[in-house]
C-alpha cells in the first residue's frame, strides 16, 4: 500500500484551511445549472434539425408535385378532356342545388321540370354506359366524341334550367 507520507513532506500537503479555500474556489467557478427555455439543451443543434426538417419537407412536396404533374401530362389528350368535363359537371352540380318539384308551381312548368329531370337522368345513364364501355382507356375518336357530346348536352340542360328560373343558384 502507498502512503502519502513516504512521497510528500508535511509542507507539501495542504492543511485543512487551504483545502477548504481550494474547494470553495472550485465551487465558485462552477456555474449553477441554468434552466433552458423549452428544455432545449443545445440550441444550435435544435435549429439545424428544424431547418433540415423544413428543407426536407419542402423537397418532398416539390418531388410529389413534379411527379403528379408528370403523370398528368403523360395522360392522352382525350382522357384529360374527359376529366375536365367531369370535373366541370361535378362542380356545376355541387353549386346548383337539387331540383324539387313543388305542387304550388303551375302544372305546365312542373311538367317541363319533370321532363328536364328525366332528360338529365337519360343523359347520365348514357354517359355511365359509354364510360363503362370505354373503360377509361379506350381512345377511339368516335366514342370520345360521343362522350363529349353527352357531357355538353348535360351542361346545356342544366344551363337552360337556370336561365328559365327552374332552378336557382
N, C-alpha and C. Protein backbone atom coordinates (compact mmCIF):
# COMPACT_ATOMS: atom_id res chain seq x y z
N UNK A 1 0.83 -1.16 0.00
CA UNK A 1 0.00 0.00 0.00
C UNK A 1 0.88 1.24 0.00
N UNK A 2 0.41 2.27 -0.67
CA UNK A 2 1.17 3.51 -0.81
C UNK A 2 0.72 4.48 0.27
N UNK A 3 1.71 5.04 0.91
CA UNK A 3 1.42 6.02 1.95
C UNK A 3 1.91 7.38 1.48
N UNK A 4 1.04 8.42 1.58
CA UNK A 4 1.48 9.74 1.11
C UNK A 4 2.65 10.31 1.89
N UNK A 5 2.83 9.88 3.15
CA UNK A 5 3.93 10.41 3.96
C UNK A 5 5.28 10.02 3.39
N UNK A 6 5.34 8.91 2.64
CA UNK A 6 6.61 8.47 2.08
C UNK A 6 7.02 9.31 0.87
N UNK A 7 6.04 9.93 0.19
CA UNK A 7 6.34 10.70 -1.03
C UNK A 7 6.34 12.21 -0.81
N UNK A 8 5.52 12.68 0.12
CA UNK A 8 5.38 14.11 0.34
C UNK A 8 5.89 14.48 1.73
N UNK A 9 6.42 15.65 1.79
CA UNK A 9 6.82 16.18 3.10
C UNK A 9 5.62 16.88 3.71
N UNK A 10 5.61 17.12 4.98
CA UNK A 10 4.45 17.79 5.60
C UNK A 10 4.19 19.18 5.01
N UNK A 11 5.18 19.83 4.49
CA UNK A 11 4.97 21.15 3.89
C UNK A 11 4.27 21.04 2.52
N UNK A 12 4.39 19.87 1.85
CA UNK A 12 3.76 19.69 0.53
C UNK A 12 2.25 19.46 0.66
N UNK A 13 1.80 18.91 1.71
CA UNK A 13 0.38 18.63 1.89
C UNK A 13 -0.34 19.88 2.38
N UNK A 14 -1.52 20.21 1.78
CA UNK A 14 -2.25 21.40 2.26
C UNK A 14 -2.93 21.10 3.59
N UNK A 15 -2.99 22.12 4.40
CA UNK A 15 -3.67 21.93 5.67
C UNK A 15 -5.18 22.09 5.46
N UNK A 16 -5.91 21.98 6.53
CA UNK A 16 -7.38 21.98 6.44
C UNK A 16 -7.89 23.31 5.89
N UNK A 17 -7.31 24.41 6.31
CA UNK A 17 -7.77 25.72 5.85
C UNK A 17 -7.52 25.90 4.35
N UNK A 18 -6.38 25.44 3.86
CA UNK A 18 -6.07 25.55 2.44
C UNK A 18 -6.98 24.65 1.60
N UNK A 19 -7.30 23.47 2.14
CA UNK A 19 -8.21 22.56 1.42
C UNK A 19 -9.59 23.21 1.27
N UNK A 20 -10.08 23.80 2.35
CA UNK A 20 -11.40 24.42 2.29
C UNK A 20 -11.41 25.60 1.31
N UNK A 21 -10.32 26.38 1.29
CA UNK A 21 -10.24 27.51 0.37
C UNK A 21 -10.18 27.01 -1.08
N UNK A 22 -9.44 25.94 -1.28
CA UNK A 22 -9.32 25.38 -2.63
C UNK A 22 -10.69 24.88 -3.12
N UNK A 23 -11.42 24.17 -2.30
CA UNK A 23 -12.74 23.66 -2.70
C UNK A 23 -13.76 24.78 -2.84
N UNK A 24 -13.66 25.81 -2.07
CA UNK A 24 -14.55 26.97 -2.21
C UNK A 24 -14.30 27.65 -3.56
N UNK A 25 -13.04 27.76 -3.97
CA UNK A 25 -12.71 28.34 -5.28
C UNK A 25 -13.24 27.48 -6.41
N UNK A 26 -13.16 26.16 -6.28
CA UNK A 26 -13.68 25.26 -7.32
C UNK A 26 -15.19 25.40 -7.41
N UNK A 27 -15.87 25.43 -6.25
CA UNK A 27 -17.32 25.58 -6.26
C UNK A 27 -17.74 26.93 -6.84
N UNK A 28 -16.98 27.97 -6.61
CA UNK A 28 -17.30 29.29 -7.12
C UNK A 28 -17.15 29.38 -8.64
N UNK A 29 -16.22 28.63 -9.17
CA UNK A 29 -16.01 28.67 -10.62
C UNK A 29 -17.02 27.82 -11.38
N UNK A 30 -17.60 26.87 -10.73
CA UNK A 30 -18.63 26.06 -11.38
C UNK A 30 -19.92 26.87 -11.48
N UNK A 31 -20.50 26.94 -12.69
CA UNK A 31 -21.75 27.68 -12.89
C UNK A 31 -22.91 26.80 -12.44
N UNK A 32 -23.87 27.42 -11.79
CA UNK A 32 -25.04 26.61 -11.40
C UNK A 32 -25.82 26.23 -12.66
N UNK A 33 -26.45 25.07 -12.66
CA UNK A 33 -27.22 24.64 -13.84
C UNK A 33 -28.37 25.62 -14.09
N UNK A 34 -28.43 26.12 -15.32
CA UNK A 34 -29.48 27.06 -15.68
C UNK A 34 -30.60 26.33 -16.40
N UNK A 35 -31.81 26.74 -16.10
CA UNK A 35 -32.97 26.15 -16.77
C UNK A 35 -33.09 26.79 -18.16
N UNK A 36 -33.02 25.98 -19.21
CA UNK A 36 -33.10 26.48 -20.57
C UNK A 36 -34.57 26.54 -21.00
N UNK A 37 -34.93 27.55 -21.78
CA UNK A 37 -36.33 27.62 -22.22
C UNK A 37 -36.69 26.44 -23.11
N UNK A 38 -37.86 25.91 -22.91
CA UNK A 38 -38.40 24.77 -23.67
C UNK A 38 -37.53 23.52 -23.56
N UNK A 39 -36.69 23.47 -22.56
CA UNK A 39 -35.85 22.31 -22.29
C UNK A 39 -34.97 21.93 -23.47
N UNK A 40 -34.51 22.89 -24.24
CA UNK A 40 -33.61 22.62 -25.36
C UNK A 40 -32.19 22.80 -24.84
N UNK A 41 -31.44 21.72 -24.78
CA UNK A 41 -30.08 21.77 -24.23
C UNK A 41 -29.10 22.39 -25.21
N UNK A 42 -29.24 22.02 -26.47
CA UNK A 42 -28.30 22.51 -27.47
C UNK A 42 -29.09 23.24 -28.55
N UNK A 43 -29.17 24.56 -28.44
CA UNK A 43 -29.99 25.35 -29.36
C UNK A 43 -29.50 25.24 -30.79
N UNK A 44 -28.23 25.24 -30.98
CA UNK A 44 -27.67 25.18 -32.34
C UNK A 44 -28.09 23.90 -33.04
N UNK A 45 -27.97 22.79 -32.36
CA UNK A 45 -28.37 21.51 -32.94
C UNK A 45 -29.87 21.49 -33.21
N UNK A 46 -30.63 22.07 -32.31
CA UNK A 46 -32.09 22.12 -32.48
C UNK A 46 -32.45 22.94 -33.71
N UNK A 47 -31.84 24.09 -33.88
CA UNK A 47 -32.12 24.95 -35.03
C UNK A 47 -31.71 24.28 -36.34
N UNK A 48 -30.56 23.63 -36.34
CA UNK A 48 -30.14 22.91 -37.55
C UNK A 48 -31.11 21.77 -37.88
N UNK A 49 -31.59 21.08 -36.87
CA UNK A 49 -32.56 20.00 -37.09
C UNK A 49 -33.87 20.52 -37.64
N UNK A 50 -34.34 21.64 -37.10
CA UNK A 50 -35.58 22.23 -37.59
C UNK A 50 -35.42 22.71 -39.04
N UNK A 51 -34.29 23.33 -39.35
CA UNK A 51 -34.06 23.79 -40.71
C UNK A 51 -33.97 22.61 -41.68
N UNK A 52 -33.31 21.55 -41.25
CA UNK A 52 -33.20 20.36 -42.10
C UNK A 52 -34.57 19.72 -42.34
N UNK A 53 -35.39 19.67 -41.31
CA UNK A 53 -36.73 19.07 -41.49
C UNK A 53 -37.60 19.94 -42.40
N UNK A 54 -37.47 21.26 -42.31
CA UNK A 54 -38.21 22.15 -43.20
C UNK A 54 -37.76 21.97 -44.65
N UNK A 55 -36.47 21.92 -44.86
CA UNK A 55 -35.94 21.72 -46.22
C UNK A 55 -36.36 20.37 -46.76
N UNK A 56 -36.30 19.34 -45.93
CA UNK A 56 -36.73 18.01 -46.36
C UNK A 56 -38.22 18.00 -46.71
N UNK A 57 -39.05 18.65 -45.90
CA UNK A 57 -40.48 18.72 -46.19
C UNK A 57 -40.76 19.43 -47.49
N UNK A 58 -40.09 20.55 -47.73
CA UNK A 58 -40.28 21.27 -48.99
C UNK A 58 -39.81 20.45 -50.18
N UNK A 59 -38.70 19.73 -50.01
CA UNK A 59 -38.20 18.89 -51.10
C UNK A 59 -39.17 17.76 -51.41
N UNK A 60 -39.74 17.14 -50.38
CA UNK A 60 -40.72 16.08 -50.60
C UNK A 60 -41.97 16.60 -51.30
N UNK A 61 -42.44 17.77 -50.87
CA UNK A 61 -43.61 18.36 -51.52
C UNK A 61 -43.31 18.69 -52.98
N UNK A 62 -42.15 19.24 -53.26
CA UNK A 62 -41.75 19.55 -54.63
C UNK A 62 -41.66 18.30 -55.49
N UNK A 63 -41.08 17.24 -54.94
CA UNK A 63 -40.99 15.97 -55.67
C UNK A 63 -42.34 15.38 -55.95
N UNK A 64 -43.23 15.44 -54.97
CA UNK A 64 -44.58 14.92 -55.17
C UNK A 64 -45.31 15.73 -56.23
N UNK A 65 -45.15 17.04 -56.19
CA UNK A 65 -45.82 17.91 -57.16
C UNK A 65 -45.31 17.66 -58.58
N UNK A 66 -44.02 17.51 -58.73
CA UNK A 66 -43.43 17.24 -60.05
C UNK A 66 -43.89 15.89 -60.57
N UNK A 67 -43.92 14.89 -59.71
CA UNK A 67 -44.36 13.55 -60.13
C UNK A 67 -45.82 13.57 -60.54
N UNK A 68 -46.66 14.23 -59.76
CA UNK A 68 -48.08 14.30 -60.10
C UNK A 68 -48.28 15.02 -61.43
N UNK A 69 -47.54 16.10 -61.63
CA UNK A 69 -47.66 16.85 -62.88
C UNK A 69 -47.17 16.01 -64.06
N UNK A 70 -46.12 15.23 -63.87
CA UNK A 70 -45.63 14.37 -64.95
C UNK A 70 -46.66 13.31 -65.32
N UNK A 71 -47.33 12.75 -64.32
CA UNK A 71 -48.37 11.76 -64.62
C UNK A 71 -49.56 12.40 -65.32
N UNK A 72 -49.90 13.64 -64.92
CA UNK A 72 -50.99 14.35 -65.58
C UNK A 72 -50.65 14.61 -67.04
N UNK A 73 -49.42 15.01 -67.32
CA UNK A 73 -49.01 15.31 -68.68
C UNK A 73 -48.87 14.04 -69.52
N UNK A 74 -48.65 12.91 -68.87
CA UNK A 74 -48.46 11.66 -69.60
C UNK A 74 -49.78 11.09 -70.12
N UNK A 75 -50.89 11.52 -69.52
CA UNK A 75 -52.18 11.01 -69.98
C UNK A 75 -52.51 11.60 -71.34
N UNK A 76 -53.17 10.84 -72.19
CA UNK A 76 -53.54 11.34 -73.51
C UNK A 76 -54.54 12.50 -73.43
N UNK A 77 -54.55 13.30 -74.46
CA UNK A 77 -55.41 14.49 -74.52
C UNK A 77 -56.89 14.15 -74.37
N UNK A 78 -57.43 13.12 -75.03
CA UNK A 78 -58.86 12.83 -74.86
C UNK A 78 -59.25 12.50 -73.42
N UNK A 79 -58.40 11.81 -72.71
CA UNK A 79 -58.70 11.46 -71.32
C UNK A 79 -58.66 12.71 -70.45
N UNK A 80 -57.71 13.61 -70.70
CA UNK A 80 -57.65 14.86 -69.94
C UNK A 80 -58.88 15.72 -70.23
N UNK A 81 -59.34 15.73 -71.47
CA UNK A 81 -60.53 16.49 -71.83
C UNK A 81 -61.76 15.93 -71.13
N UNK A 82 -61.85 14.60 -71.09
CA UNK A 82 -62.98 13.97 -70.39
C UNK A 82 -62.96 14.32 -68.91
N UNK A 83 -61.77 14.31 -68.30
CA UNK A 83 -61.66 14.67 -66.89
C UNK A 83 -62.08 16.12 -66.66
N UNK A 84 -61.78 16.99 -67.62
CA UNK A 84 -62.20 18.39 -67.49
C UNK A 84 -63.72 18.50 -67.52
N UNK A 85 -64.36 17.76 -68.43
CA UNK A 85 -65.83 17.76 -68.48
C UNK A 85 -66.42 17.22 -67.18
N UNK A 86 -65.87 16.12 -66.71
CA UNK A 86 -66.40 15.50 -65.49
C UNK A 86 -66.27 16.45 -64.30
N UNK A 87 -65.11 17.09 -64.17
CA UNK A 87 -64.93 18.00 -63.03
C UNK A 87 -65.81 19.24 -63.18
N UNK A 88 -66.01 19.72 -64.41
CA UNK A 88 -66.89 20.88 -64.61
C UNK A 88 -68.33 20.55 -64.23
N UNK A 89 -68.80 19.40 -64.66
CA UNK A 89 -70.17 18.99 -64.33
C UNK A 89 -70.31 18.76 -62.83
N UNK A 90 -69.32 18.14 -62.22
CA UNK A 90 -69.37 17.88 -60.78
C UNK A 90 -69.44 19.19 -59.99
N UNK A 91 -68.61 20.15 -60.36
CA UNK A 91 -68.64 21.44 -59.68
C UNK A 91 -69.95 22.18 -59.93
N UNK A 92 -70.45 22.09 -61.15
CA UNK A 92 -71.71 22.75 -61.50
C UNK A 92 -72.85 22.16 -60.69
N UNK A 93 -72.89 20.84 -60.57
CA UNK A 93 -73.96 20.19 -59.80
C UNK A 93 -73.80 20.45 -58.31
N UNK A 94 -72.58 20.67 -57.86
CA UNK A 94 -72.36 20.95 -56.44
C UNK A 94 -72.88 22.33 -56.09
N UNK A 95 -72.73 23.29 -57.00
CA UNK A 95 -73.18 24.65 -56.76
C UNK A 95 -74.69 24.75 -56.88
N UNK A 96 -75.27 24.08 -57.87
CA UNK A 96 -76.71 24.14 -58.11
C UNK A 96 -77.39 23.10 -57.22
N UNK A 97 -78.31 23.51 -56.37
CA UNK A 97 -78.99 22.53 -55.51
C UNK A 97 -79.87 21.60 -56.33
N UNK A 98 -80.18 20.46 -55.75
CA UNK A 98 -81.03 19.51 -56.46
C UNK A 98 -82.43 20.11 -56.62
N UNK A 99 -83.05 19.78 -57.73
CA UNK A 99 -84.34 20.38 -58.08
C UNK A 99 -85.46 19.56 -57.44
N UNK A 100 -86.36 20.26 -56.76
CA UNK A 100 -87.52 19.60 -56.15
C UNK A 100 -88.77 20.18 -56.81
N UNK A 101 -89.63 19.31 -57.32
CA UNK A 101 -90.86 19.75 -57.95
C UNK A 101 -91.86 20.08 -56.85
N UNK A 102 -92.36 21.33 -56.86
CA UNK A 102 -93.32 21.74 -55.85
C UNK A 102 -94.72 21.71 -56.45
N UNK A 103 -95.68 21.36 -55.65
CA UNK A 103 -97.07 21.28 -56.13
C UNK A 103 -97.66 22.67 -56.36
N UNK A 104 -97.05 23.71 -55.76
CA UNK A 104 -97.60 25.05 -55.92
C UNK A 104 -97.24 25.65 -57.28
N UNK A 105 -96.31 25.05 -58.01
CA UNK A 105 -95.96 25.56 -59.33
C UNK A 105 -97.08 25.25 -60.31
N UNK A 106 -97.06 25.98 -61.40
CA UNK A 106 -98.07 25.72 -62.43
C UNK A 106 -97.84 24.34 -63.01
N UNK A 107 -98.92 23.66 -63.41
CA UNK A 107 -98.77 22.30 -63.93
C UNK A 107 -97.87 22.24 -65.17
N UNK A 108 -97.89 23.26 -65.98
CA UNK A 108 -97.08 23.24 -67.19
C UNK A 108 -95.59 23.30 -66.84
N UNK A 109 -95.21 24.22 -65.93
CA UNK A 109 -93.80 24.33 -65.55
C UNK A 109 -93.36 23.10 -64.75
N UNK A 110 -94.28 22.53 -63.96
CA UNK A 110 -93.93 21.32 -63.22
C UNK A 110 -93.70 20.17 -64.19
N UNK A 111 -94.51 20.10 -65.25
CA UNK A 111 -94.31 19.06 -66.25
C UNK A 111 -93.01 19.26 -67.02
N UNK A 112 -92.67 20.52 -67.31
CA UNK A 112 -91.42 20.81 -68.01
C UNK A 112 -90.22 20.48 -67.12
N UNK A 113 -90.33 20.79 -65.84
CA UNK A 113 -89.26 20.48 -64.90
C UNK A 113 -89.07 18.97 -64.78
N UNK A 114 -90.16 18.24 -64.71
CA UNK A 114 -90.08 16.77 -64.64
C UNK A 114 -89.45 16.22 -65.92
N UNK A 115 -89.84 16.81 -67.05
CA UNK A 115 -89.28 16.37 -68.33
C UNK A 115 -87.76 16.62 -68.38
N UNK A 116 -87.31 17.77 -67.89
CA UNK A 116 -85.87 18.08 -67.88
C UNK A 116 -85.13 17.14 -66.93
N UNK A 117 -85.74 16.83 -65.81
CA UNK A 117 -85.10 15.90 -64.88
C UNK A 117 -84.98 14.52 -65.52
N UNK A 118 -86.00 14.11 -66.26
CA UNK A 118 -85.92 12.83 -66.98
C UNK A 118 -84.83 12.87 -68.04
N UNK A 119 -84.70 14.02 -68.72
CA UNK A 119 -83.63 14.16 -69.71
C UNK A 119 -82.27 14.02 -69.04
N UNK A 120 -82.11 14.66 -67.90
CA UNK A 120 -80.84 14.56 -67.17
C UNK A 120 -80.55 13.12 -66.76
N UNK A 121 -81.56 12.41 -66.32
CA UNK A 121 -81.38 11.00 -65.94
C UNK A 121 -80.96 10.17 -67.15
N UNK A 122 -81.59 10.41 -68.30
CA UNK A 122 -81.23 9.67 -69.51
C UNK A 122 -79.80 9.99 -69.96
N UNK A 123 -79.43 11.25 -69.91
CA UNK A 123 -78.07 11.64 -70.29
C UNK A 123 -77.07 11.03 -69.32
N UNK A 124 -77.37 11.05 -68.02
CA UNK A 124 -76.48 10.43 -67.03
C UNK A 124 -76.33 8.93 -67.29
N UNK A 125 -77.44 8.27 -67.61
CA UNK A 125 -77.37 6.83 -67.90
C UNK A 125 -76.54 6.57 -69.15
N UNK A 126 -76.70 7.42 -70.18
CA UNK A 126 -75.92 7.24 -71.41
C UNK A 126 -74.44 7.48 -71.15
N UNK A 127 -74.12 8.47 -70.35
CA UNK A 127 -72.72 8.75 -70.00
C UNK A 127 -72.12 7.58 -69.23
N UNK A 128 -72.87 7.07 -68.27
CA UNK A 128 -72.37 5.94 -67.47
C UNK A 128 -72.14 4.71 -68.35
N UNK A 129 -73.07 4.45 -69.25
CA UNK A 129 -72.92 3.29 -70.14
C UNK A 129 -71.72 3.45 -71.06
N UNK A 130 -71.56 4.63 -71.64
CA UNK A 130 -70.44 4.86 -72.55
C UNK A 130 -69.11 4.84 -71.80
N UNK A 131 -69.08 5.36 -70.61
CA UNK A 131 -67.84 5.31 -69.81
C UNK A 131 -67.51 3.87 -69.42
N UNK A 132 -68.55 3.08 -69.17
CA UNK A 132 -68.31 1.67 -68.85
C UNK A 132 -67.74 0.96 -70.07
N UNK A 133 -68.24 1.30 -71.25
CA UNK A 133 -67.74 0.67 -72.48
C UNK A 133 -66.30 1.09 -72.79
N UNK A 134 -66.00 2.37 -72.59
CA UNK A 134 -64.65 2.84 -72.90
C UNK A 134 -63.66 2.40 -71.83
N UNK A 135 -64.14 2.15 -70.63
CA UNK A 135 -63.33 1.64 -69.53
C UNK A 135 -62.19 2.58 -69.16
N UNK A 136 -62.32 3.86 -69.54
CA UNK A 136 -61.32 4.85 -69.15
C UNK A 136 -60.04 4.80 -69.95
N UNK A 137 -59.87 3.80 -70.81
CA UNK A 137 -58.62 3.70 -71.55
C UNK A 137 -58.82 3.61 -73.06
N UNK A 138 -60.08 3.51 -73.51
CA UNK A 138 -60.36 3.43 -74.94
C UNK A 138 -60.21 4.82 -75.55
N UNK A 139 -59.33 4.94 -76.53
CA UNK A 139 -59.04 6.24 -77.11
C UNK A 139 -59.65 6.41 -78.49
N UNK A 140 -60.64 5.60 -78.83
CA UNK A 140 -61.22 5.72 -80.17
C UNK A 140 -61.90 7.08 -80.29
N UNK A 141 -61.61 7.79 -81.38
CA UNK A 141 -62.14 9.16 -81.53
C UNK A 141 -63.67 9.21 -81.58
N UNK A 142 -64.30 8.20 -82.14
CA UNK A 142 -65.75 8.21 -82.25
C UNK A 142 -66.41 8.14 -80.87
N UNK A 143 -65.92 7.24 -80.01
CA UNK A 143 -66.51 7.13 -78.67
C UNK A 143 -66.22 8.38 -77.83
N UNK A 144 -65.02 8.90 -77.95
CA UNK A 144 -64.66 10.11 -77.20
C UNK A 144 -65.52 11.30 -77.65
N UNK A 145 -65.75 11.40 -78.95
CA UNK A 145 -66.58 12.49 -79.48
C UNK A 145 -68.02 12.36 -78.98
N UNK A 146 -68.54 11.14 -78.97
CA UNK A 146 -69.90 10.91 -78.48
C UNK A 146 -69.99 11.24 -76.99
N UNK A 147 -68.98 10.88 -76.23
CA UNK A 147 -68.95 11.17 -74.80
C UNK A 147 -68.91 12.69 -74.56
N UNK A 148 -68.10 13.40 -75.35
CA UNK A 148 -68.05 14.85 -75.25
C UNK A 148 -69.40 15.48 -75.56
N UNK A 149 -70.10 14.95 -76.56
CA UNK A 149 -71.42 15.47 -76.91
C UNK A 149 -72.41 15.26 -75.76
N UNK A 150 -72.32 14.10 -75.10
CA UNK A 150 -73.21 13.84 -73.96
C UNK A 150 -72.93 14.80 -72.81
N UNK A 151 -71.65 15.03 -72.51
CA UNK A 151 -71.30 15.98 -71.46
C UNK A 151 -71.80 17.37 -71.81
N UNK A 152 -71.62 17.78 -73.05
CA UNK A 152 -72.08 19.09 -73.49
C UNK A 152 -73.60 19.19 -73.38
N UNK A 153 -74.30 18.12 -73.72
CA UNK A 153 -75.76 18.10 -73.63
C UNK A 153 -76.21 18.27 -72.18
N UNK A 154 -75.54 17.61 -71.28
CA UNK A 154 -75.91 17.71 -69.86
C UNK A 154 -75.68 19.13 -69.36
N UNK A 155 -74.55 19.72 -69.72
CA UNK A 155 -74.30 21.10 -69.30
C UNK A 155 -75.34 22.06 -69.90
N UNK A 156 -75.73 21.83 -71.14
CA UNK A 156 -76.75 22.68 -71.78
C UNK A 156 -78.10 22.56 -71.07
N UNK A 157 -78.48 21.36 -70.70
CA UNK A 157 -79.76 21.17 -70.00
C UNK A 157 -79.73 21.91 -68.66
N UNK A 158 -78.64 21.76 -67.92
CA UNK A 158 -78.53 22.45 -66.63
C UNK A 158 -78.54 23.97 -66.83
N UNK A 159 -77.86 24.45 -67.85
CA UNK A 159 -77.83 25.88 -68.11
C UNK A 159 -79.22 26.41 -68.47
N UNK A 160 -79.97 25.67 -69.29
CA UNK A 160 -81.32 26.10 -69.65
C UNK A 160 -82.22 26.14 -68.42
N UNK A 161 -82.05 25.18 -67.53
CA UNK A 161 -82.88 25.16 -66.33
C UNK A 161 -82.61 26.38 -65.47
N UNK A 162 -81.36 26.81 -65.41
CA UNK A 162 -81.02 28.00 -64.63
C UNK A 162 -81.54 29.26 -65.31
N UNK A 163 -81.35 29.34 -66.62
CA UNK A 163 -81.78 30.53 -67.36
C UNK A 163 -83.29 30.73 -67.31
N UNK A 164 -84.05 29.66 -67.30
CA UNK A 164 -85.51 29.77 -67.28
C UNK A 164 -86.06 29.84 -65.87
N UNK A 165 -85.19 29.85 -64.88
CA UNK A 165 -85.61 30.01 -63.49
C UNK A 165 -86.18 28.75 -62.88
N UNK A 166 -85.97 27.60 -63.51
CA UNK A 166 -86.49 26.36 -62.94
C UNK A 166 -85.72 25.95 -61.70
N UNK A 167 -84.43 26.29 -61.70
CA UNK A 167 -83.62 26.08 -60.50
C UNK A 167 -82.89 27.37 -60.23
N UNK A 168 -82.62 27.62 -58.97
CA UNK A 168 -81.93 28.84 -58.57
C UNK A 168 -80.58 28.50 -57.98
N UNK A 169 -79.67 29.40 -58.21
CA UNK A 169 -78.32 29.19 -57.68
C UNK A 169 -78.25 29.72 -56.28
